[in-house]
Amino acid sequence: MGETSAGILLYRRRAAGIEVYIGHMGGPFWRGKDAAAWTIPKGTYTDEAPLEAALREFAEEIGTPAPDVAYRELGRFRYPSGKVVTVFAGEAEFDPGPVRSNTFELEWPPRSGRMQAVPELDDARWFAVDDARERLVRGQRPALDALLDLAGP
């Protein structure tokens, strides 16, 4: 089995439909990219419950705890790479302000020997589901369909 991770997909209802809160991946590779460059705040785990991991990762990547709401598992979604992401949905009005993500070390440019700290996420915003579908990485797009099944159109 591939790597396992868990994430939080916040949603809210608007007159035009459901909106979701997703983050833009940080670092030089993703700079200036929009399509398939956004993600559900998530991360890997091993020895903790998936929801606990998802809540921890949300706080690390957004810089503030996830809202204290009821979370429901949307499902487990497999990436083409084999990675499996368990996604939990929560309905909330949420505006944490600017993202204050944790960082990771990256060699950039590749094979240069120079390491730099880059944020896991450099932005996060609310998007209508159709807009989010274009922005999310391919392996997470089925979570939007599961959310619509759960929350309605």
N, C-alpha and C. Protein backbone atom coordinates (compact mmCIF):
# COMPACT_ATOMS: atom_id res chain seq x y z
N MET A 1 0.84 -1.18 0.00
CA MET A 1 0.00 0.00 0.00
C MET A 1 0.88 1.24 0.00
N GLY A 2 0.44 2.30 -0.69
CA GLY A 2 1.20 3.53 -0.78
C GLY A 2 1.09 4.36 0.49
N GLU A 3 1.64 5.54 0.42
CA GLU A 3 1.63 6.48 1.53
C GLU A 3 0.18 6.85 1.87
N THR A 4 -0.08 7.07 3.17
CA THR A 4 -1.42 7.49 3.59
C THR A 4 -1.36 8.90 4.13
N SER A 5 -2.37 9.68 3.81
CA SER A 5 -2.48 11.03 4.34
C SER A 5 -3.95 11.31 4.62
N ALA A 6 -4.19 12.40 5.33
CA ALA A 6 -5.56 12.78 5.68
C ALA A 6 -5.67 14.29 5.61
N GLY A 7 -6.86 14.76 5.22
CA GLY A 7 -7.05 16.20 5.07
C GLY A 7 -8.46 16.64 5.41
N ILE A 8 -8.57 17.95 5.53
CA ILE A 8 -9.84 18.61 5.86
C ILE A 8 -10.30 19.43 4.66
N LEU A 9 -11.52 19.19 4.22
CA LEU A 9 -12.14 19.97 3.16
C LEU A 9 -13.29 20.76 3.78
N LEU A 10 -13.03 22.03 4.05
CA LEU A 10 -14.09 22.89 4.57
C LEU A 10 -15.00 23.30 3.43
N TYR A 11 -16.28 23.46 3.75
CA TYR A 11 -17.22 23.96 2.75
C TYR A 11 -18.20 24.91 3.40
N ARG A 12 -18.79 25.74 2.56
CA ARG A 12 -19.83 26.66 3.01
C ARG A 12 -20.85 26.81 1.88
N ARG A 13 -22.04 27.21 2.27
CA ARG A 13 -23.14 27.36 1.31
C ARG A 13 -23.30 28.83 0.95
N ARG A 14 -23.45 29.09 -0.32
CA ARG A 14 -23.70 30.43 -0.84
C ARG A 14 -24.88 30.34 -1.79
N ALA A 15 -25.45 31.48 -2.13
CA ALA A 15 -26.60 31.49 -3.04
C ALA A 15 -26.27 30.79 -4.35
N ALA A 16 -25.04 30.92 -4.82
CA ALA A 16 -24.64 30.31 -6.09
C ALA A 16 -24.25 28.84 -5.95
N GLY A 17 -24.19 28.34 -4.71
CA GLY A 17 -23.85 26.93 -4.50
C GLY A 17 -22.78 26.75 -3.44
N ILE A 18 -22.22 25.56 -3.40
CA ILE A 18 -21.21 25.20 -2.41
C ILE A 18 -19.86 25.80 -2.78
N GLU A 19 -19.14 26.30 -1.78
CA GLU A 19 -17.76 26.73 -1.94
C GLU A 19 -16.89 25.88 -1.03
N VAL A 20 -15.63 25.66 -1.46
CA VAL A 20 -14.68 24.88 -0.68
C VAL A 20 -13.42 25.70 -0.44
N TYR A 21 -12.75 25.39 0.66
CA TYR A 21 -11.53 26.09 1.07
C TYR A 21 -10.34 25.19 0.75
N ILE A 22 -9.50 25.64 -0.20
CA ILE A 22 -8.34 24.85 -0.61
C ILE A 22 -7.09 25.73 -0.62
N GLY A 23 -5.92 25.10 -0.62
CA GLY A 23 -4.67 25.82 -0.54
C GLY A 23 -3.80 25.63 -1.78
N HIS A 24 -3.05 26.69 -2.11
CA HIS A 24 -2.10 26.64 -3.22
C HIS A 24 -0.76 26.12 -2.71
N MET A 25 -0.20 25.15 -3.40
CA MET A 25 1.05 24.55 -2.97
C MET A 25 2.20 25.55 -3.10
N GLY A 26 3.06 25.56 -2.08
CA GLY A 26 4.16 26.50 -2.04
C GLY A 26 5.41 25.99 -2.73
N GLY A 27 6.36 26.89 -2.89
CA GLY A 27 7.65 26.53 -3.46
C GLY A 27 7.77 26.95 -4.91
N PRO A 28 8.98 26.94 -5.41
CA PRO A 28 9.26 27.46 -6.75
C PRO A 28 8.61 26.65 -7.88
N PHE A 29 8.42 25.35 -7.69
CA PHE A 29 7.81 24.56 -8.76
C PHE A 29 6.38 25.02 -9.03
N TRP A 30 5.65 25.41 -7.99
CA TRP A 30 4.23 25.76 -8.13
C TRP A 30 4.00 27.24 -8.38
N ARG A 31 5.03 28.06 -8.23
CA ARG A 31 4.88 29.51 -8.40
C ARG A 31 4.33 29.82 -9.80
N GLY A 32 3.31 30.64 -9.85
CA GLY A 32 2.72 31.05 -11.12
C GLY A 32 1.78 30.04 -11.74
N LYS A 33 1.61 28.88 -11.11
CA LYS A 33 0.70 27.86 -11.64
C LYS A 33 -0.62 27.93 -10.89
N ASP A 34 -1.70 27.66 -11.61
CA ASP A 34 -3.03 27.68 -11.00
C ASP A 34 -3.75 26.35 -11.21
N ALA A 35 -3.85 25.91 -12.44
CA ALA A 35 -4.54 24.64 -12.73
C ALA A 35 -3.77 23.48 -12.11
N ALA A 36 -4.47 22.65 -11.36
CA ALA A 36 -3.89 21.46 -10.71
C ALA A 36 -2.72 21.80 -9.79
N ALA A 37 -2.75 22.99 -9.19
CA ALA A 37 -1.68 23.43 -8.28
C ALA A 37 -2.21 23.71 -6.88
N TRP A 38 -3.45 23.34 -6.61
CA TRP A 38 -4.10 23.56 -5.32
C TRP A 38 -4.39 22.21 -4.68
N THR A 39 -4.56 22.22 -3.37
CA THR A 39 -4.75 20.98 -2.64
C THR A 39 -5.68 21.18 -1.44
N ILE A 40 -6.28 20.10 -1.02
CA ILE A 40 -6.96 20.08 0.27
C ILE A 40 -5.86 20.11 1.33
N PRO A 41 -5.94 20.95 2.36
CA PRO A 41 -4.92 20.92 3.41
C PRO A 41 -4.86 19.51 4.01
N LYS A 42 -3.69 18.87 3.89
CA LYS A 42 -3.56 17.47 4.27
C LYS A 42 -2.11 17.13 4.49
N GLY A 43 -1.88 15.94 5.04
CA GLY A 43 -0.52 15.47 5.21
C GLY A 43 -0.49 14.02 5.64
N THR A 44 0.71 13.48 5.67
CA THR A 44 0.89 12.06 5.97
C THR A 44 0.77 11.79 7.47
N TYR A 45 0.49 10.54 7.77
CA TYR A 45 0.41 10.10 9.16
C TYR A 45 0.74 8.62 9.22
N THR A 46 1.07 8.17 10.41
CA THR A 46 1.32 6.74 10.61
C THR A 46 0.59 6.22 11.83
N ASP A 47 0.86 6.79 13.00
CA ASP A 47 0.38 6.22 14.26
C ASP A 47 -0.76 7.00 14.91
N GLU A 48 -1.50 7.77 14.16
CA GLU A 48 -2.61 8.51 14.76
C GLU A 48 -3.86 8.25 13.94
N ALA A 49 -5.00 8.54 14.51
CA ALA A 49 -6.26 8.38 13.79
C ALA A 49 -6.29 9.36 12.62
N PRO A 50 -6.91 8.99 11.50
CA PRO A 50 -6.92 9.87 10.34
C PRO A 50 -7.50 11.27 10.63
N LEU A 51 -8.58 11.36 11.39
CA LEU A 51 -9.14 12.69 11.67
C LEU A 51 -8.18 13.52 12.51
N GLU A 52 -7.53 12.92 13.50
CA GLU A 52 -6.54 13.65 14.29
C GLU A 52 -5.42 14.17 13.39
N ALA A 53 -4.94 13.33 12.48
CA ALA A 53 -3.89 13.74 11.55
C ALA A 53 -4.37 14.87 10.66
N ALA A 54 -5.60 14.77 10.16
CA ALA A 54 -6.13 15.81 9.29
C ALA A 54 -6.22 17.15 10.01
N LEU A 55 -6.69 17.14 11.25
CA LEU A 55 -6.78 18.38 12.02
C LEU A 55 -5.40 18.96 12.31
N ARG A 56 -4.45 18.10 12.65
CA ARG A 56 -3.07 18.56 12.89
C ARG A 56 -2.48 19.18 11.63
N GLU A 57 -2.62 18.50 10.52
CA GLU A 57 -2.06 18.99 9.26
C GLU A 57 -2.71 20.30 8.83
N PHE A 58 -4.01 20.43 9.03
CA PHE A 58 -4.68 21.68 8.69
C PHE A 58 -4.05 22.83 9.46
N ALA A 59 -3.88 22.66 10.76
CA ALA A 59 -3.29 23.72 11.59
C ALA A 59 -1.87 24.04 11.14
N GLU A 60 -1.09 23.03 10.79
CA GLU A 60 0.28 23.26 10.35
C GLU A 60 0.32 24.00 9.01
N GLU A 61 -0.54 23.64 8.09
CA GLU A 61 -0.48 24.20 6.74
C GLU A 61 -1.18 25.55 6.61
N ILE A 62 -2.24 25.77 7.38
CA ILE A 62 -2.97 27.04 7.30
C ILE A 62 -2.44 28.03 8.33
N GLY A 63 -1.96 27.53 9.45
CA GLY A 63 -1.41 28.40 10.48
C GLY A 63 -2.40 28.73 11.57
N THR A 64 -3.55 28.09 11.55
CA THR A 64 -4.57 28.26 12.58
C THR A 64 -5.36 26.95 12.66
N PRO A 65 -5.90 26.62 13.82
CA PRO A 65 -6.67 25.37 13.91
C PRO A 65 -7.89 25.37 12.99
N ALA A 66 -8.27 24.19 12.57
CA ALA A 66 -9.50 24.04 11.81
C ALA A 66 -10.67 24.41 12.71
N PRO A 67 -11.76 24.90 12.13
CA PRO A 67 -12.92 25.24 12.94
C PRO A 67 -13.43 24.05 13.75
N ASP A 68 -14.00 24.35 14.89
CA ASP A 68 -14.55 23.32 15.77
C ASP A 68 -15.97 23.01 15.32
N VAL A 69 -16.07 22.13 14.32
CA VAL A 69 -17.35 21.73 13.75
C VAL A 69 -17.37 20.20 13.65
N ALA A 70 -18.51 19.65 13.31
CA ALA A 70 -18.60 18.21 13.08
C ALA A 70 -17.97 17.88 11.73
N TYR A 71 -17.08 16.90 11.72
CA TYR A 71 -16.43 16.46 10.49
C TYR A 71 -16.94 15.08 10.12
N ARG A 72 -17.18 14.90 8.82
CA ARG A 72 -17.64 13.61 8.32
C ARG A 72 -16.66 13.11 7.27
N GLU A 73 -16.36 11.84 7.34
CA GLU A 73 -15.44 11.28 6.35
C GLU A 73 -16.12 11.22 4.98
N LEU A 74 -15.47 11.80 3.99
CA LEU A 74 -15.98 11.75 2.61
C LEU A 74 -15.55 10.46 1.92
N GLY A 75 -14.43 9.93 2.32
CA GLY A 75 -13.93 8.71 1.71
C GLY A 75 -12.42 8.70 1.64
N ARG A 76 -11.92 7.62 1.05
CA ARG A 76 -10.49 7.46 0.82
C ARG A 76 -10.28 7.52 -0.69
N PHE A 77 -9.37 8.38 -1.10
CA PHE A 77 -9.17 8.63 -2.53
C PHE A 77 -7.73 8.28 -2.90
N ARG A 78 -7.58 7.45 -3.93
CA ARG A 78 -6.27 6.95 -4.35
C ARG A 78 -5.74 7.79 -5.51
N TYR A 79 -4.53 8.28 -5.34
CA TYR A 79 -3.83 9.00 -6.41
C TYR A 79 -3.29 7.98 -7.42
N PRO A 80 -2.98 8.44 -8.63
CA PRO A 80 -2.32 7.56 -9.59
C PRO A 80 -1.00 6.99 -9.05
N SER A 81 -0.33 7.71 -8.16
CA SER A 81 0.94 7.26 -7.57
C SER A 81 0.75 6.13 -6.56
N GLY A 82 -0.50 5.90 -6.14
CA GLY A 82 -0.78 4.90 -5.12
C GLY A 82 -1.05 5.49 -3.75
N LYS A 83 -0.72 6.76 -3.56
CA LYS A 83 -0.99 7.44 -2.29
C LYS A 83 -2.49 7.45 -2.05
N VAL A 84 -2.90 7.26 -0.79
CA VAL A 84 -4.31 7.27 -0.42
C VAL A 84 -4.55 8.42 0.55
N VAL A 85 -5.54 9.25 0.23
CA VAL A 85 -5.88 10.39 1.07
C VAL A 85 -7.29 10.20 1.62
N THR A 86 -7.41 10.24 2.95
CA THR A 86 -8.71 10.20 3.60
C THR A 86 -9.12 11.65 3.81
N VAL A 87 -10.30 12.00 3.31
CA VAL A 87 -10.76 13.39 3.36
C VAL A 87 -11.98 13.49 4.27
N PHE A 88 -11.93 14.49 5.16
CA PHE A 88 -13.03 14.79 6.07
C PHE A 88 -13.60 16.15 5.70
N ALA A 89 -14.93 16.25 5.66
CA ALA A 89 -15.60 17.50 5.32
C ALA A 89 -16.22 18.11 6.56
N GLY A 90 -16.15 19.43 6.63
CA GLY A 90 -16.80 20.17 7.70
C GLY A 90 -17.38 21.45 7.15
N GLU A 91 -18.61 21.75 7.54
CA GLU A 91 -19.26 22.99 7.08
C GLU A 91 -18.95 24.09 8.07
N ALA A 92 -18.41 25.20 7.56
CA ALA A 92 -18.00 26.29 8.45
C ALA A 92 -17.82 27.59 7.69
N GLU A 93 -18.09 28.66 8.39
CA GLU A 93 -17.65 29.99 7.94
C GLU A 93 -16.26 30.15 8.53
N PHE A 94 -15.29 30.43 7.72
CA PHE A 94 -13.90 30.40 8.17
C PHE A 94 -13.11 31.45 7.40
N ASP A 95 -12.44 32.33 8.13
CA ASP A 95 -11.57 33.32 7.51
C ASP A 95 -10.38 33.57 8.43
N PRO A 96 -9.32 32.76 8.26
CA PRO A 96 -8.18 32.89 9.16
C PRO A 96 -7.23 34.03 8.80
N GLY A 97 -7.50 34.73 7.68
CA GLY A 97 -6.54 35.73 7.23
C GLY A 97 -5.45 35.05 6.41
N PRO A 98 -4.29 35.69 6.30
CA PRO A 98 -3.21 35.13 5.49
C PRO A 98 -2.72 33.78 6.02
N VAL A 99 -2.36 32.91 5.10
CA VAL A 99 -1.82 31.60 5.45
C VAL A 99 -0.44 31.76 6.09
N ARG A 100 -0.22 31.02 7.17
CA ARG A 100 1.08 31.00 7.86
C ARG A 100 1.52 29.54 7.96
N SER A 101 1.86 28.98 6.83
CA SER A 101 2.16 27.56 6.72
C SER A 101 3.51 27.19 7.30
N ASN A 102 3.60 25.93 7.73
CA ASN A 102 4.90 25.37 8.08
C ASN A 102 5.73 25.27 6.81
N THR A 103 7.02 24.98 6.95
CA THR A 103 7.91 24.90 5.80
C THR A 103 8.57 23.53 5.73
N PHE A 104 9.17 23.24 4.59
CA PHE A 104 9.98 22.04 4.40
C PHE A 104 11.21 22.42 3.60
N GLU A 105 12.25 21.61 3.73
CA GLU A 105 13.50 21.87 3.02
C GLU A 105 13.43 21.29 1.61
N LEU A 106 13.88 22.08 0.65
CA LEU A 106 13.85 21.68 -0.75
C LEU A 106 15.16 22.07 -1.42
N GLU A 107 15.72 21.16 -2.19
CA GLU A 107 16.90 21.51 -2.98
C GLU A 107 16.41 22.23 -4.23
N TRP A 108 16.82 23.49 -4.36
CA TRP A 108 16.39 24.28 -5.53
C TRP A 108 17.48 25.24 -5.93
N PRO A 109 17.81 25.32 -7.18
CA PRO A 109 17.35 24.46 -8.27
C PRO A 109 17.77 23.00 -8.06
N PRO A 110 17.07 22.09 -8.75
CA PRO A 110 17.40 20.67 -8.59
C PRO A 110 18.88 20.39 -8.88
N ARG A 111 19.46 19.50 -8.10
CA ARG A 111 20.85 19.07 -8.21
C ARG A 111 21.85 20.22 -8.04
N SER A 112 21.41 21.31 -7.39
CA SER A 112 22.30 22.46 -7.17
C SER A 112 23.06 22.34 -5.86
N GLY A 113 22.56 21.49 -4.95
CA GLY A 113 23.16 21.40 -3.63
C GLY A 113 22.69 22.50 -2.68
N ARG A 114 21.86 23.42 -3.17
CA ARG A 114 21.35 24.52 -2.32
C ARG A 114 19.98 24.16 -1.78
N MET A 115 19.87 24.20 -0.46
CA MET A 115 18.61 23.89 0.20
C MET A 115 17.95 25.20 0.63
N GLN A 116 16.64 25.22 0.53
CA GLN A 116 15.90 26.38 1.02
C GLN A 116 14.60 25.91 1.67
N ALA A 117 14.14 26.70 2.63
CA ALA A 117 12.87 26.41 3.30
C ALA A 117 11.75 27.03 2.47
N VAL A 118 10.75 26.21 2.15
CA VAL A 118 9.61 26.71 1.39
C VAL A 118 8.33 26.34 2.13
N PRO A 119 7.29 27.17 2.03
CA PRO A 119 6.03 26.85 2.71
C PRO A 119 5.31 25.71 2.00
N GLU A 120 4.64 24.87 2.79
CA GLU A 120 3.83 23.82 2.17
C GLU A 120 2.70 24.44 1.35
N LEU A 121 2.07 25.48 1.90
CA LEU A 121 1.03 26.23 1.19
C LEU A 121 1.41 27.70 1.23
N ASP A 122 1.18 28.41 0.12
CA ASP A 122 1.48 29.83 0.11
C ASP A 122 0.21 30.70 0.01
N ASP A 123 -0.94 30.06 -0.10
CA ASP A 123 -2.21 30.78 -0.19
C ASP A 123 -3.32 29.77 0.08
N ALA A 124 -4.47 30.25 0.51
CA ALA A 124 -5.66 29.41 0.65
C ALA A 124 -6.86 30.32 0.49
N ARG A 125 -7.86 29.82 -0.22
CA ARG A 125 -9.05 30.62 -0.52
C ARG A 125 -10.27 29.74 -0.71
N TRP A 126 -11.42 30.42 -0.69
CA TRP A 126 -12.69 29.78 -1.00
C TRP A 126 -12.92 29.83 -2.52
N PHE A 127 -13.38 28.71 -3.08
CA PHE A 127 -13.73 28.64 -4.49
C PHE A 127 -15.04 27.89 -4.66
N ALA A 128 -15.82 28.28 -5.66
CA ALA A 128 -16.97 27.48 -6.05
C ALA A 128 -16.45 26.10 -6.47
N VAL A 129 -17.27 25.08 -6.31
CA VAL A 129 -16.83 23.71 -6.59
C VAL A 129 -16.30 23.57 -8.01
N ASP A 130 -16.96 24.14 -9.00
CA ASP A 130 -16.48 24.02 -10.38
C ASP A 130 -15.11 24.66 -10.56
N ASP A 131 -14.88 25.80 -9.94
CA ASP A 131 -13.57 26.44 -10.01
C ASP A 131 -12.52 25.60 -9.27
N ALA A 132 -12.90 25.06 -8.13
CA ALA A 132 -11.97 24.23 -7.36
C ALA A 132 -11.59 22.97 -8.15
N ARG A 133 -12.52 22.43 -8.88
CA ARG A 133 -12.26 21.20 -9.65
C ARG A 133 -11.10 21.42 -10.64
N GLU A 134 -11.03 22.59 -11.26
CA GLU A 134 -9.94 22.90 -12.19
C GLU A 134 -8.62 23.11 -11.46
N ARG A 135 -8.69 23.62 -10.25
CA ARG A 135 -7.48 23.97 -9.51
C ARG A 135 -6.86 22.82 -8.73
N LEU A 136 -7.71 21.92 -8.23
CA LEU A 136 -7.21 20.82 -7.40
C LEU A 136 -6.36 19.85 -8.21
N VAL A 137 -5.39 19.23 -7.52
CA VAL A 137 -4.64 18.15 -8.15
C VAL A 137 -5.63 17.03 -8.50
N ARG A 138 -5.34 16.32 -9.54
CA ARG A 138 -6.28 15.35 -10.11
C ARG A 138 -6.78 14.32 -9.09
N GLY A 139 -5.90 13.82 -8.25
CA GLY A 139 -6.28 12.76 -7.30
C GLY A 139 -7.27 13.20 -6.25
N GLN A 140 -7.44 14.51 -6.05
CA GLN A 140 -8.38 15.01 -5.04
C GLN A 140 -9.73 15.41 -5.62
N ARG A 141 -9.84 15.48 -6.90
CA ARG A 141 -11.10 15.93 -7.52
C ARG A 141 -12.30 15.06 -7.17
N PRO A 142 -12.15 13.74 -7.05
CA PRO A 142 -13.31 12.92 -6.66
C PRO A 142 -13.87 13.30 -5.28
N ALA A 143 -13.08 13.91 -4.42
CA ALA A 143 -13.59 14.33 -3.11
C ALA A 143 -14.67 15.40 -3.27
N LEU A 144 -14.59 16.19 -4.34
CA LEU A 144 -15.62 17.21 -4.57
C LEU A 144 -16.96 16.54 -4.88
N ASP A 145 -16.94 15.48 -5.67
CA ASP A 145 -18.18 14.76 -5.97
C ASP A 145 -18.77 14.15 -4.69
N ALA A 146 -17.90 13.59 -3.87
CA ALA A 146 -18.36 13.01 -2.58
C ALA A 146 -18.95 14.11 -1.70
N LEU A 147 -18.36 15.28 -1.72
CA LEU A 147 -18.88 16.39 -0.93
C LEU A 147 -20.27 16.80 -1.43
N LEU A 148 -20.42 16.91 -2.73
CA LEU A 148 -21.73 17.29 -3.27
C LEU A 148 -22.78 16.24 -2.94
N ASP A 149 -22.40 14.97 -2.94
CA ASP A 149 -23.33 13.91 -2.53
C ASP A 149 -23.74 14.09 -1.07
N LEU A 150 -22.78 14.48 -0.23
CA LEU A 150 -23.04 14.67 1.19
C LEU A 150 -23.87 15.93 1.46
N ALA A 151 -23.45 17.05 0.87
CA ALA A 151 -24.02 18.36 1.20
C ALA A 151 -25.14 18.80 0.27
N GLY A 152 -25.25 18.18 -0.88
CA GLY A 152 -26.23 18.62 -1.86
C GLY A 152 -25.63 19.70 -2.75
N PRO A 153 -26.33 20.06 -3.82
CA PRO A 153 -25.80 21.03 -4.78
C PRO A 153 -25.67 22.43 -4.22
